[in-house]
Amino acid sequence: METPAGRDEQGLGSKAPHFIKKRRALHVSWQVGVFVVGLAVVIAGIIMLPLPGPGWVVIFCGMAIWATEFVWAQLVLRWTKRKVKEAAQRALDPRVRRRNIILTTVGLVIIGVLLGIYIWKFGIVMPWKITE
């Protein structure tokens, strides 16, 4: 169903089983449970951001859990998917790829020159030959 704003809202809403949706108290309890589980997963993902682990993947998994019940999470996931697809299309553009290859090459040359200057000026001292 198209809205006046042009958003496709088909499929938005709770994905809970029908027998849960029929009973208000059970549905609210279901939503609270989904929110708590999603929140735990999102918090675990946030903790993984500075630590080793797939932080962003876990955060998006938590958002997917929320999206089974909440329209706002479904809309956030749709927006995120759209942006990822746009970024992937831009990355495949030959001009962008050529620019990225040139920038990477220039960066590696600069790093190589700086490393060469450092070695020329200070030399290489292996850790097992330190006299201190």
Protein backbone atom coordinates (compact mmCIF):
# COMPACT_ATOMS: atom_id res chain seq x y z
CA MET A 1 0.00 0.00 0.00
CA GLU A 2 1.47 3.35 -1.04
CA THR A 3 1.19 6.26 1.36
CA PRO A 4 1.01 9.89 0.23
CA ALA A 5 4.68 10.29 1.16
CA GLY A 6 5.54 7.50 -1.26
CA ARG A 7 6.60 4.96 1.37
CA ASP A 8 5.76 1.34 0.86
CA GLU A 9 4.29 0.26 4.19
CA GLN A 10 3.34 -3.24 3.15
CA GLY A 11 4.68 -5.73 5.65
CA LEU A 12 5.17 -3.25 8.47
CA GLY A 13 4.04 -4.18 11.96
CA SER A 14 4.20 -7.05 14.38
CA LYS A 15 5.30 -10.46 13.14
CA ALA A 16 4.02 -12.17 16.30
CA PRO A 17 1.86 -15.28 15.86
CA HIS A 18 -1.86 -14.63 15.51
CA PHE A 19 -2.81 -16.22 18.85
CA ILE A 20 -0.44 -13.80 20.62
CA LYS A 21 -1.79 -10.76 18.78
CA LYS A 22 -5.36 -11.69 19.78
CA ARG A 23 -4.66 -11.31 23.51
CA ARG A 24 -3.58 -7.79 24.48
CA ALA A 25 -1.69 -8.75 27.66
CA LEU A 26 0.13 -11.57 25.90
CA HIS A 27 1.04 -9.31 22.97
CA VAL A 28 2.42 -6.59 25.26
CA SER A 29 4.43 -9.23 27.15
CA TRP A 30 5.70 -10.55 23.80
CA GLN A 31 6.76 -7.03 22.77
CA VAL A 32 8.54 -6.45 26.08
CA GLY A 33 10.39 -9.75 25.66
CA VAL A 34 11.39 -8.92 22.08
CA PHE A 35 12.56 -5.47 23.18
CA VAL A 36 14.66 -6.88 26.05
CA VAL A 37 16.27 -9.57 23.86
CA GLY A 38 16.97 -7.02 21.08
CA LEU A 39 18.39 -4.58 23.62
CA ALA A 40 20.73 -7.24 25.03
CA VAL A 41 21.99 -8.06 21.54
CA VAL A 42 22.48 -4.37 20.66
CA ILE A 43 24.35 -3.74 23.92
CA ALA A 44 26.57 -6.77 23.23
CA GLY A 45 27.31 -5.31 19.79
CA ILE A 46 28.16 -1.92 21.27
CA ILE A 47 30.53 -3.61 23.71
CA MET A 48 32.16 -5.43 20.78
CA LEU A 49 32.87 -2.21 18.87
CA PRO A 50 36.14 -1.43 20.71
CA LEU A 51 36.82 -5.11 21.47
CA PRO A 52 37.51 -7.94 19.05
CA GLY A 53 34.28 -9.14 17.55
CA PRO A 54 31.73 -8.33 14.86
CA GLY A 55 30.20 -5.34 16.65
CA TRP A 56 28.26 -3.80 13.77
CA VAL A 57 26.93 -7.17 12.62
CA VAL A 58 25.65 -7.90 16.13
CA ILE A 59 24.07 -4.44 16.40
CA PHE A 60 22.22 -4.99 13.13
CA CYS A 61 21.11 -8.42 14.37
CA GLY A 62 19.62 -6.71 17.42
CA MET A 63 17.87 -4.24 15.13
CA ALA A 64 16.51 -7.18 13.11
CA ILE A 65 15.15 -8.71 16.32
CA TRP A 66 13.42 -5.41 17.13
CA ALA A 67 12.13 -5.21 13.55
CA THR A 68 10.08 -8.37 14.12
CA GLU A 69 7.85 -6.32 16.41
CA PHE A 70 8.39 -2.57 15.99
CA VAL A 71 7.68 -0.44 12.92
CA TRP A 72 10.40 2.11 13.77
CA ALA A 73 13.05 -0.64 13.67
CA GLN A 74 11.67 -1.93 10.36
CA LEU A 75 11.96 1.56 8.88
CA VAL A 76 15.52 1.96 10.22
CA LEU A 77 16.52 -1.38 8.69
CA ARG A 78 14.95 -0.44 5.34
CA TRP A 79 16.83 2.88 5.35
CA THR A 80 20.09 1.10 6.25
CA LYS A 81 19.66 -1.51 3.50
CA ARG A 82 18.97 1.24 0.97
CA LYS A 83 22.11 3.16 2.00
CA VAL A 84 24.27 0.02 1.87
CA LYS A 85 23.01 -0.78 -1.64
CA GLU A 86 23.72 2.80 -2.76
CA ALA A 87 27.25 2.64 -1.30
CA ALA A 88 27.89 -0.70 -3.01
CA GLN A 89 26.76 0.73 -6.36
CA ARG A 90 29.00 3.78 -5.89
CA ALA A 91 31.95 1.55 -5.00
CA LEU A 92 31.50 -0.43 -8.21
CA ASP A 93 31.59 2.73 -10.34
CA PRO A 94 34.79 2.54 -12.47
CA ARG A 95 35.72 6.17 -11.76
CA VAL A 96 35.43 5.64 -7.98
CA ARG A 97 37.43 2.41 -8.16
CA ARG A 98 40.14 4.10 -10.22
CA ARG A 99 40.30 6.99 -7.72
CA ASN A 100 40.53 4.58 -4.78
CA ILE A 101 43.32 2.61 -6.44
CA ILE A 102 45.26 5.80 -7.19
CA LEU A 103 44.82 7.09 -3.61
CA THR A 104 45.91 3.75 -2.16
CA THR A 105 48.97 3.64 -4.41
CA VAL A 106 49.97 7.21 -3.51
CA GLY A 107 49.50 6.44 0.19
CA LEU A 108 51.65 3.32 -0.02
CA VAL A 109 54.39 5.21 -1.90
CA ILE A 110 54.39 7.96 0.78
CA ILE A 111 54.60 5.35 3.56
CA GLY A 112 57.42 3.57 1.72
CA VAL A 113 59.40 6.80 1.27
CA LEU A 114 58.94 7.76 4.93
CA LEU A 115 59.98 4.27 6.04
CA GLY A 116 63.05 4.42 3.75
CA ILE A 117 64.06 7.83 5.18
CA TYR A 118 63.67 6.50 8.74
CA ILE A 119 65.80 3.41 8.01
CA TRP A 120 68.42 5.53 6.20
CA LYS A 121 68.63 7.97 9.14
CA PHE A 122 68.40 5.55 12.10
CA GLY A 123 69.13 2.12 10.61
CA ILE A 124 67.60 -1.15 11.67
CA VAL A 125 68.44 -2.54 15.09
CA MET A 126 67.15 -6.00 15.80
CA PRO A 127 65.67 -6.49 19.31
CA TRP A 128 68.21 -9.16 20.21
CA LYS A 129 71.14 -6.81 19.44
CA ILE A 130 70.10 -3.95 21.72
CA THR A 131 73.05 -3.06 23.99
CA GLU A 132 71.15 -1.34 26.79
